[in-house]
Amino acid sequence: MELHILEGENGKFPLLLDDEMKIVNPVYEYMKKLKSDNKAENTLIANGRDLKIYWDFLIHNYYVYDEITPRHIQQFREFLFKENPYDSTPVLYQESKRTPTTINRILSTIYNFYVYFGEVHEVGNPILMKEINRGFNVFKGFLEHARATNTTVHSIFKVKEVKSDFNILTLEQIKQIRNAIDNKRDRLIWILLASTGARIQEILGLQINNVPYIDHSEEMSILKNVKSKGKKRDILIPTQTLIELDNYIMEERYNVDADHDYIFVALNERDKGNPLSYSAIYQSFEDIKAKVGFNFNFHDLRHTFATNLVEVGIDVIVIKGIMGHKHVSTTSQYIHLAKKYEKEVLTDYWKKVGKLEVNDESELS
């Protein structure tokens, strides 16, 4: 099995081919459906990779995709855990080569694949679901009262995930990374991430027509209609950072011959002028990690930005808009990240009002 990434005028499209280099039609049909739903390119490619893993499993076991049962899905789940999935030796305890989050994502892809084929071709969905109680959420929707029950459904094959803490960078670390970058393109990308809280794919997807005319009387400006997870959104940007971006376009970008309007392009000889890919910028920053001596990734800046907004007291609904979150529950996670700040604020409060003693009869104003 091979997954080919086709590139055309309408973007990238994953194409799964079998060992005879023939198109795997069910996957192709599902990919076309996702494409018609305007799913982001990264989502398409991730789904293509997940389905390639699943089809490898089916072919190896001589299974047919529309004859799969829950027992086969349980077998596939075990397949995902194994270091060598084609070794039939039973192992009770082993280190999985995939994280629980990755396994759950793959299972979710397979579930949605069967949801589609169940609706269109009446193929049964072998991934069983079970009802569970919803967790308490202070940010309930306006129609929460209209729900018949307080339950939701989860796959019975879901793997337990251990939630890891976000890596919040200090201002000193952000500056240290910036100073370690030795070219204008990557330094500007880092500054854009740090000053807007944007996703790395949003920055890589910036085009010249996203950049507005600069109003020097305004402290904040707006990058309009930026590609974001298959849709478009506006991104607030400090005007000073916008000036740096505009200067980069005039002084650097226009010197590169390209038949597109993407701002950030590859500079190496082989790919020069092509839109800058995530893998290329990722590799570039791997070298920076070695220079600064601590670990970080692009999304750490987004987490840091959102947490800082919470800490200065900005309303969570406003932060939701700034970050481009679809659901306020996504934004609310940063409230928990700000607990350290709350502790500092409360400490300052008690310092100002003084300690309360058991026998102190004075009233606290």
Protein backbone atom coordinates (compact mmCIF):
# COMPACT_ATOMS: atom_id res chain seq x y z
CA MET A 1 0.00 0.00 0.00
CA GLU A 2 1.21 3.50 -0.79
CA LEU A 3 -0.25 6.90 0.03
CA HIS A 4 0.45 9.44 -2.71
CA ILE A 5 -0.12 13.15 -2.16
CA LEU A 6 -1.38 14.72 -5.37
CA GLU A 7 -0.83 18.45 -5.79
CA GLY A 8 -2.99 20.54 -8.09
CA GLU A 9 -4.71 23.89 -8.44
CA ASN A 10 -7.17 22.96 -5.68
CA GLY A 11 -4.48 21.94 -3.21
CA LYS A 12 -3.20 18.59 -1.96
CA PHE A 13 -5.19 15.37 -2.14
CA PRO A 14 -4.16 11.99 -0.62
CA LEU A 15 -4.54 8.99 -2.90
CA LEU A 16 -4.23 5.46 -1.51
CA LEU A 17 -2.89 2.86 -3.96
CA ASP A 18 -2.73 -0.90 -3.45
CA ASP A 19 0.24 -3.15 -4.27
CA GLU A 20 -0.79 -3.19 -7.93
CA MET A 21 -0.83 0.63 -7.97
CA LYS A 22 -4.60 0.68 -8.30
CA ILE A 23 -6.72 3.25 -6.48
CA VAL A 24 -8.40 1.97 -3.31
CA ASN A 25 -11.90 3.13 -4.24
CA PRO A 26 -13.59 3.27 -0.79
CA VAL A 27 -10.81 5.50 0.55
CA TYR A 28 -10.86 7.61 -2.61
CA GLU A 29 -14.61 8.11 -2.29
CA TYR A 30 -14.31 9.09 1.37
CA MET A 31 -11.47 11.51 0.62
CA LYS A 32 -13.60 13.18 -2.08
CA LYS A 33 -16.37 13.59 0.51
CA LEU A 34 -13.98 15.25 2.96
CA LYS A 35 -12.66 17.48 0.18
CA SER A 36 -16.21 18.54 -0.73
CA ASP A 37 -16.76 19.39 2.95
CA ASN A 38 -13.82 21.85 2.67
CA LYS A 39 -11.71 19.99 5.19
CA ALA A 40 -8.20 21.38 5.61
CA GLU A 41 -5.35 19.80 3.64
CA ASN A 42 -3.68 18.60 6.84
CA THR A 43 -6.94 16.92 7.88
CA LEU A 44 -7.19 15.16 4.52
CA ILE A 45 -3.61 13.93 4.71
CA ALA A 46 -3.98 12.79 8.33
CA ASN A 47 -7.14 10.86 7.42
CA GLY A 48 -5.34 9.34 4.43
CA ARG A 49 -2.48 8.13 6.63
CA ASP A 50 -4.89 6.67 9.19
CA LEU A 51 -6.82 4.81 6.50
CA LYS A 52 -3.58 3.49 4.98
CA ILE A 53 -2.73 1.93 8.37
CA TYR A 54 -6.22 0.43 8.52
CA TRP A 55 -6.02 -0.93 4.96
CA ASP A 56 -2.60 -2.45 5.69
CA PHE A 57 -4.28 -4.28 8.59
CA LEU A 58 -7.17 -5.43 6.38
CA ILE A 59 -4.91 -6.69 3.58
CA HIS A 60 -2.53 -8.48 5.96
CA ASN A 61 -5.45 -10.37 7.54
CA TYR A 62 -7.37 -10.93 4.28
CA TYR A 63 -10.34 -8.91 5.60
CA VAL A 64 -12.84 -6.98 3.50
CA TYR A 65 -13.69 -3.48 4.74
CA ASP A 66 -17.49 -3.90 4.49
CA GLU A 67 -17.52 -7.21 6.38
CA ILE A 68 -15.76 -6.01 9.53
CA THR A 69 -17.22 -6.71 12.99
CA PRO A 70 -16.43 -5.28 16.46
CA ARG A 71 -14.18 -8.29 17.04
CA HIS A 72 -12.05 -7.22 14.08
CA ILE A 73 -11.87 -3.65 15.42
CA GLN A 74 -10.62 -4.99 18.75
CA GLN A 75 -7.96 -6.88 16.79
CA PHE A 76 -7.09 -3.66 14.93
CA ARG A 77 -6.77 -1.82 18.26
CA GLU A 78 -4.24 -4.42 19.41
CA PHE A 79 -2.52 -4.09 16.04
CA LEU A 80 -2.04 -0.36 16.71
CA PHE A 81 -0.44 -1.03 20.10
CA LYS A 82 2.19 -3.49 18.89
CA GLU A 83 5.77 -2.48 18.19
CA ASN A 84 5.76 -5.06 15.38
CA PRO A 85 2.09 -5.37 14.36
CA TYR A 86 2.77 -8.39 12.13
CA ASP A 87 4.22 -10.46 14.96
CA SER A 88 1.48 -12.84 16.11
CA THR A 89 3.23 -13.68 19.38
CA PRO A 90 0.96 -12.66 22.29
CA VAL A 91 2.52 -10.13 24.64
CA LEU A 92 0.90 -9.17 27.94
CA TYR A 93 2.94 -6.07 28.73
CA GLN A 94 4.68 -3.94 26.15
CA GLU A 95 5.50 -0.35 25.34
CA SER A 96 3.21 0.91 22.58
CA LYS A 97 4.87 2.49 19.56
CA ARG A 98 1.91 4.93 19.36
CA THR A 99 0.58 7.27 22.01
CA PRO A 100 -3.00 6.83 23.28
CA THR A 101 -3.91 10.13 21.60
CA THR A 102 -2.67 8.85 18.23
CA ILE A 103 -4.52 5.54 18.59
CA ASN A 104 -7.74 7.34 19.49
CA ARG A 105 -7.36 9.63 16.50
CA ILE A 106 -6.92 6.66 14.14
CA LEU A 107 -9.97 4.91 15.62
CA SER A 108 -11.96 8.14 15.25
CA THR A 109 -10.98 8.31 11.57
CA ILE A 110 -12.14 4.72 11.03
CA TYR A 111 -15.39 5.41 12.89
CA ASN A 112 -16.20 8.44 10.72
CA PHE A 113 -15.26 6.47 7.60
CA TYR A 114 -17.90 3.89 8.52
CA VAL A 115 -20.43 6.58 9.46
CA TYR A 116 -20.19 7.82 5.87
CA PHE A 117 -20.45 4.36 4.31
CA GLY A 118 -23.31 3.51 6.63
CA GLU A 119 -25.30 6.48 5.38
CA VAL A 120 -24.41 6.11 1.70
CA HIS A 121 -23.93 2.37 1.19
CA GLU A 122 -25.64 0.92 4.28
CA VAL A 123 -22.41 -0.64 5.56
CA GLY A 124 -22.59 -1.44 9.27
CA ASN A 125 -20.33 0.54 11.60
CA PRO A 126 -18.20 -1.96 13.55
CA ILE A 127 -16.98 0.59 16.10
CA LEU A 128 -19.42 0.24 18.98
CA MET A 129 -20.33 3.21 21.15
CA LYS A 130 -21.49 3.43 24.74
CA GLU A 131 -23.31 6.10 26.73
CA ILE A 132 -21.39 7.97 29.41
CA ASN A 133 -22.29 10.86 31.70
CA ARG A 134 -21.20 14.29 30.55
CA GLY A 135 -18.69 16.08 32.73
CA PHE A 136 -19.69 19.31 34.44
CA ASN A 137 -18.99 22.36 32.31
CA VAL A 138 -19.53 25.90 33.52
CA PHE A 139 -19.65 27.07 29.92
CA LYS A 140 -22.80 25.20 28.93
CA GLY A 141 -24.57 26.17 25.73
CA PHE A 142 -27.77 28.17 25.68
CA LEU A 143 -29.77 25.06 24.73
CA GLU A 144 -28.30 22.85 27.47
CA HIS A 145 -31.71 22.66 29.17
CA ALA A 146 -33.23 21.18 26.02
CA ARG A 147 -31.17 17.99 26.21
CA ALA A 148 -33.21 14.89 26.99
CA THR A 149 -30.36 13.34 28.98
CA ASN A 150 -26.99 14.31 30.39
CA THR A 151 -25.19 11.58 28.47
CA THR A 152 -22.94 11.40 25.44
CA VAL A 153 -21.39 8.49 23.55
CA HIS A 154 -17.79 7.30 23.32
CA SER A 155 -16.24 4.39 21.48
CA ILE A 156 -15.78 1.31 23.66
CA PHE A 157 -12.38 0.91 21.99
CA LYS A 158 -11.11 4.32 23.13
CA VAL A 159 -7.75 4.26 24.89
CA LYS A 160 -7.30 6.18 28.13
CA GLU A 161 -5.23 9.30 27.59
CA VAL A 162 -3.06 10.96 30.20
CA LYS A 163 -3.44 14.73 29.82
CA SER A 164 -0.06 16.40 29.74
CA ASP A 165 0.59 19.93 30.93
CA PHE A 166 1.08 22.61 28.33
CA ASN A 167 4.55 24.05 27.98
CA ILE A 168 4.23 27.76 28.75
CA LEU A 169 7.22 29.80 27.61
CA THR A 170 8.55 32.79 29.52
CA LEU A 171 9.17 36.11 27.77
CA GLU A 172 12.87 35.52 28.27
CA GLN A 173 12.67 32.13 26.52
CA ILE A 174 10.72 33.62 23.63
CA LYS A 175 13.37 36.30 23.17
CA GLN A 176 16.16 33.75 23.52
CA ILE A 177 14.70 31.65 20.70
CA ARG A 178 14.19 34.74 18.52
CA ASN A 179 17.82 35.79 19.00
CA ALA A 180 19.04 32.29 18.11
CA ILE A 181 17.36 32.40 14.68
CA ASP A 182 19.82 33.47 12.00
CA ASN A 183 17.54 34.32 9.06
CA LYS A 184 14.85 36.97 8.56
CA ARG A 185 12.13 34.59 7.35
CA ASP A 186 12.18 32.26 10.35
CA ARG A 187 12.65 35.11 12.83
CA LEU A 188 9.59 36.88 11.42
CA ILE A 189 7.54 33.66 11.58
CA TRP A 190 8.50 33.31 15.26
CA ILE A 191 7.55 36.93 15.99
CA LEU A 192 4.19 36.49 14.23
CA LEU A 193 3.41 33.39 16.27
CA ALA A 194 4.39 35.08 19.53
CA SER A 195 2.53 38.33 18.90
CA THR A 196 -0.74 36.93 17.48
CA GLY A 197 -1.21 33.47 19.01
CA ALA A 198 -1.88 32.17 15.49
CA ARG A 199 -1.47 28.54 14.45
CA ILE A 200 1.68 27.72 12.48
CA GLN A 201 -0.40 26.62 9.47
CA GLU A 202 -2.19 29.98 9.50
CA ILE A 203 1.15 31.77 9.34
CA LEU A 204 2.48 29.49 6.59
CA GLY A 205 -0.78 30.07 4.67
CA LEU A 206 -0.48 33.86 4.73
CA GLN A 207 -0.75 35.46 1.31
CA ILE A 208 0.07 38.98 0.22
CA ASN A 209 -3.63 39.85 -0.12
CA ASN A 210 -4.12 39.09 3.60
CA VAL A 211 -1.93 42.08 4.46
CA PRO A 212 -3.87 45.38 4.75
CA TYR A 213 -2.69 48.90 4.15
CA ILE A 214 -0.97 50.11 7.29
CA ASP A 215 -2.70 52.73 9.43
CA HIS A 216 0.13 54.06 11.60
CA SER A 217 -2.35 55.78 13.92
CA GLU A 218 -3.66 52.37 15.08
CA GLU A 219 -1.80 50.16 17.54
CA MET A 220 -3.56 47.01 16.30
CA SER A 221 -4.30 45.87 12.75
CA ILE A 222 -6.10 42.90 11.17
CA LEU A 223 -4.92 40.20 8.79
CA LYS A 224 -8.16 39.41 6.95
CA ASN A 225 -9.49 36.13 5.55
CA VAL A 226 -6.55 34.00 6.64
CA LYS A 227 -6.86 30.29 5.82
CA SER A 228 -7.61 28.44 9.04
CA LYS A 229 -8.48 24.74 9.33
CA GLY A 230 -10.40 24.62 6.08
CA LYS A 231 -12.13 27.96 6.70
CA LYS A 232 -11.05 31.59 6.94
CA ARG A 233 -10.71 33.96 9.89
CA ASP A 234 -9.32 37.37 10.80
CA ILE A 235 -6.19 37.59 12.95
CA LEU A 236 -5.38 40.60 15.12
CA ILE A 237 -1.77 41.74 14.82
CA PRO A 238 0.19 44.57 16.48
CA THR A 239 0.73 47.29 13.89
CA GLN A 240 4.47 47.29 14.60
CA THR A 241 4.59 43.58 13.71
CA LEU A 242 2.52 44.29 10.58
CA ILE A 243 5.11 46.90 9.56
CA GLU A 244 7.86 44.26 9.92
CA LEU A 245 5.79 41.85 7.80
CA ASP A 246 5.24 44.50 5.13
CA ASN A 247 8.95 45.34 5.08
CA TYR A 248 9.78 41.66 4.66
CA ILE A 249 7.46 41.42 1.66
CA MET A 250 8.99 44.48 0.02
CA GLU A 251 12.65 43.71 0.81
CA GLU A 252 12.77 39.88 0.71
CA ARG A 253 9.70 38.20 -0.72
CA TYR A 254 9.51 40.21 -3.96
CA ASN A 255 13.08 39.14 -4.75
CA VAL A 256 11.95 35.50 -5.00
CA ASP A 257 10.42 34.46 -8.33
CA ALA A 258 7.19 32.50 -7.69
CA ASP A 259 3.86 31.98 -9.43
CA HIS A 260 1.82 32.29 -6.22
CA ASP A 261 1.14 34.89 -3.51
CA TYR A 262 2.25 32.99 -0.40
CA ILE A 263 4.49 35.20 1.72
CA PHE A 264 6.76 32.54 3.18
CA VAL A 265 8.59 30.38 0.64
CA ALA A 266 11.40 27.83 0.57
CA LEU A 267 14.86 29.32 0.13
CA ASN A 268 16.92 26.20 -0.58
CA GLU A 269 17.97 25.61 -4.18
CA ARG A 270 15.84 22.51 -4.79
CA ASP A 271 12.50 23.98 -3.65
CA LYS A 272 13.23 27.70 -3.98
CA GLY A 273 10.06 29.72 -4.47
CA ASN A 274 7.65 26.96 -3.43
CA PRO A 275 5.29 27.70 -0.51
CA LEU A 276 7.13 26.94 2.72
CA SER A 277 6.04 23.54 4.07
CA TYR A 278 5.47 22.63 7.70
CA SER A 279 8.15 19.92 7.56
CA ALA A 280 10.72 22.44 6.31
CA ILE A 281 10.04 25.03 9.02
CA TYR A 282 9.85 22.27 11.64
CA GLN A 283 13.31 21.03 10.67
CA SER A 284 14.65 24.57 10.73
CA PHE A 285 13.51 25.02 14.33
CA GLU A 286 14.92 21.64 15.38
CA ASP A 287 18.34 23.25 14.96
CA ILE A 288 17.25 26.19 17.14
CA LYS A 289 16.32 23.82 19.99
CA ALA A 290 19.90 22.61 20.10
CA LYS A 291 21.14 26.20 20.29
CA VAL A 292 18.90 27.36 23.14
CA GLY A 293 19.14 24.14 25.16
CA PHE A 294 15.45 23.61 25.98
CA ASN A 295 12.51 21.96 24.26
CA PHE A 296 9.60 23.85 22.65
CA ASN A 297 7.25 23.67 19.68
CA PHE A 298 5.20 26.13 17.65
CA HIS A 299 1.98 25.44 19.54
CA ASP A 300 3.67 26.34 22.85
CA LEU A 301 3.54 29.97 21.70
CA ARG A 302 -0.21 29.68 21.13
CA HIS A 303 -0.71 28.17 24.58
CA THR A 304 1.48 30.88 26.10
CA PHE A 305 -0.38 33.66 24.30
CA ALA A 306 -3.83 32.43 25.38
CA THR A 307 -2.73 31.88 28.98
CA ASN A 308 -1.28 35.40 29.14
CA LEU A 309 -4.61 36.80 27.92
CA VAL A 310 -6.41 34.99 30.75
CA GLU A 311 -3.89 36.26 33.29
CA VAL A 312 -4.43 39.92 32.38
CA GLY A 313 -8.17 39.48 32.93
CA ILE A 314 -9.57 39.37 29.39
CA ASP A 315 -13.02 37.76 29.19
CA VAL A 316 -12.98 34.15 27.99
CA ILE A 317 -15.51 34.93 25.21
CA VAL A 318 -13.19 37.64 23.86
CA ILE A 319 -10.22 35.24 24.02
CA LYS A 320 -12.27 32.66 22.11
CA GLY A 321 -12.64 35.14 19.23
CA ILE A 322 -9.00 36.18 19.31
CA MET A 323 -7.78 32.57 19.23
CA GLY A 324 -10.25 31.45 16.57
CA HIS A 325 -11.64 28.64 18.75
CA LYS A 326 -14.84 26.99 17.60
CA HIS A 327 -16.00 26.15 21.12
CA VAL A 328 -15.60 28.11 24.34
CA SER A 329 -14.76 24.85 26.14
CA THR A 330 -11.48 24.84 24.18
CA THR A 331 -10.70 28.32 25.48
CA SER A 332 -11.66 27.44 29.05
CA GLN A 333 -8.69 25.06 29.36
CA TYR A 334 -6.45 28.12 29.67
CA ILE A 335 -8.30 29.22 32.79
CA HIS A 336 -6.83 26.17 34.51
CA LEU A 337 -3.39 27.04 33.18
CA ALA A 338 -3.64 30.43 34.89
CA LYS A 339 -3.92 28.94 38.41
CA LYS A 340 -0.33 29.92 39.19
CA TYR A 341 -1.21 33.52 38.39
CA GLU A 342 -4.30 33.32 40.63
CA LYS A 343 -2.08 32.16 43.49
CA GLU A 344 0.23 35.13 42.98
CA VAL A 345 -2.71 37.57 42.87
CA LEU A 346 -4.23 36.14 46.06
CA THR A 347 -0.85 36.26 47.78
CA ASP A 348 -0.57 39.97 46.93
CA TYR A 349 -4.12 40.49 48.21
CA TRP A 350 -3.37 39.02 51.63
CA LYS A 351 -0.17 41.04 51.85
CA LYS A 352 -2.20 44.22 51.31
CA VAL A 353 -5.03 43.49 53.75
CA GLY A 354 -2.84 41.85 56.38
CA LYS A 355 -3.15 38.49 58.07
CA LEU A 356 -6.39 37.59 59.87
CA GLU A 357 -5.92 36.24 63.37
CA VAL A 358 -8.48 34.05 65.14
CA ASN A 359 -8.92 36.59 67.92
CA ASP A 360 -8.82 39.64 65.62
CA GLU A 361 -12.16 41.48 65.98
CA SER A 362 -11.48 44.01 63.23
CA GLU A 363 -13.62 43.78 60.11
CA LEU A 364 -12.23 43.19 56.68
CA SER A 365 -13.36 45.95 54.36
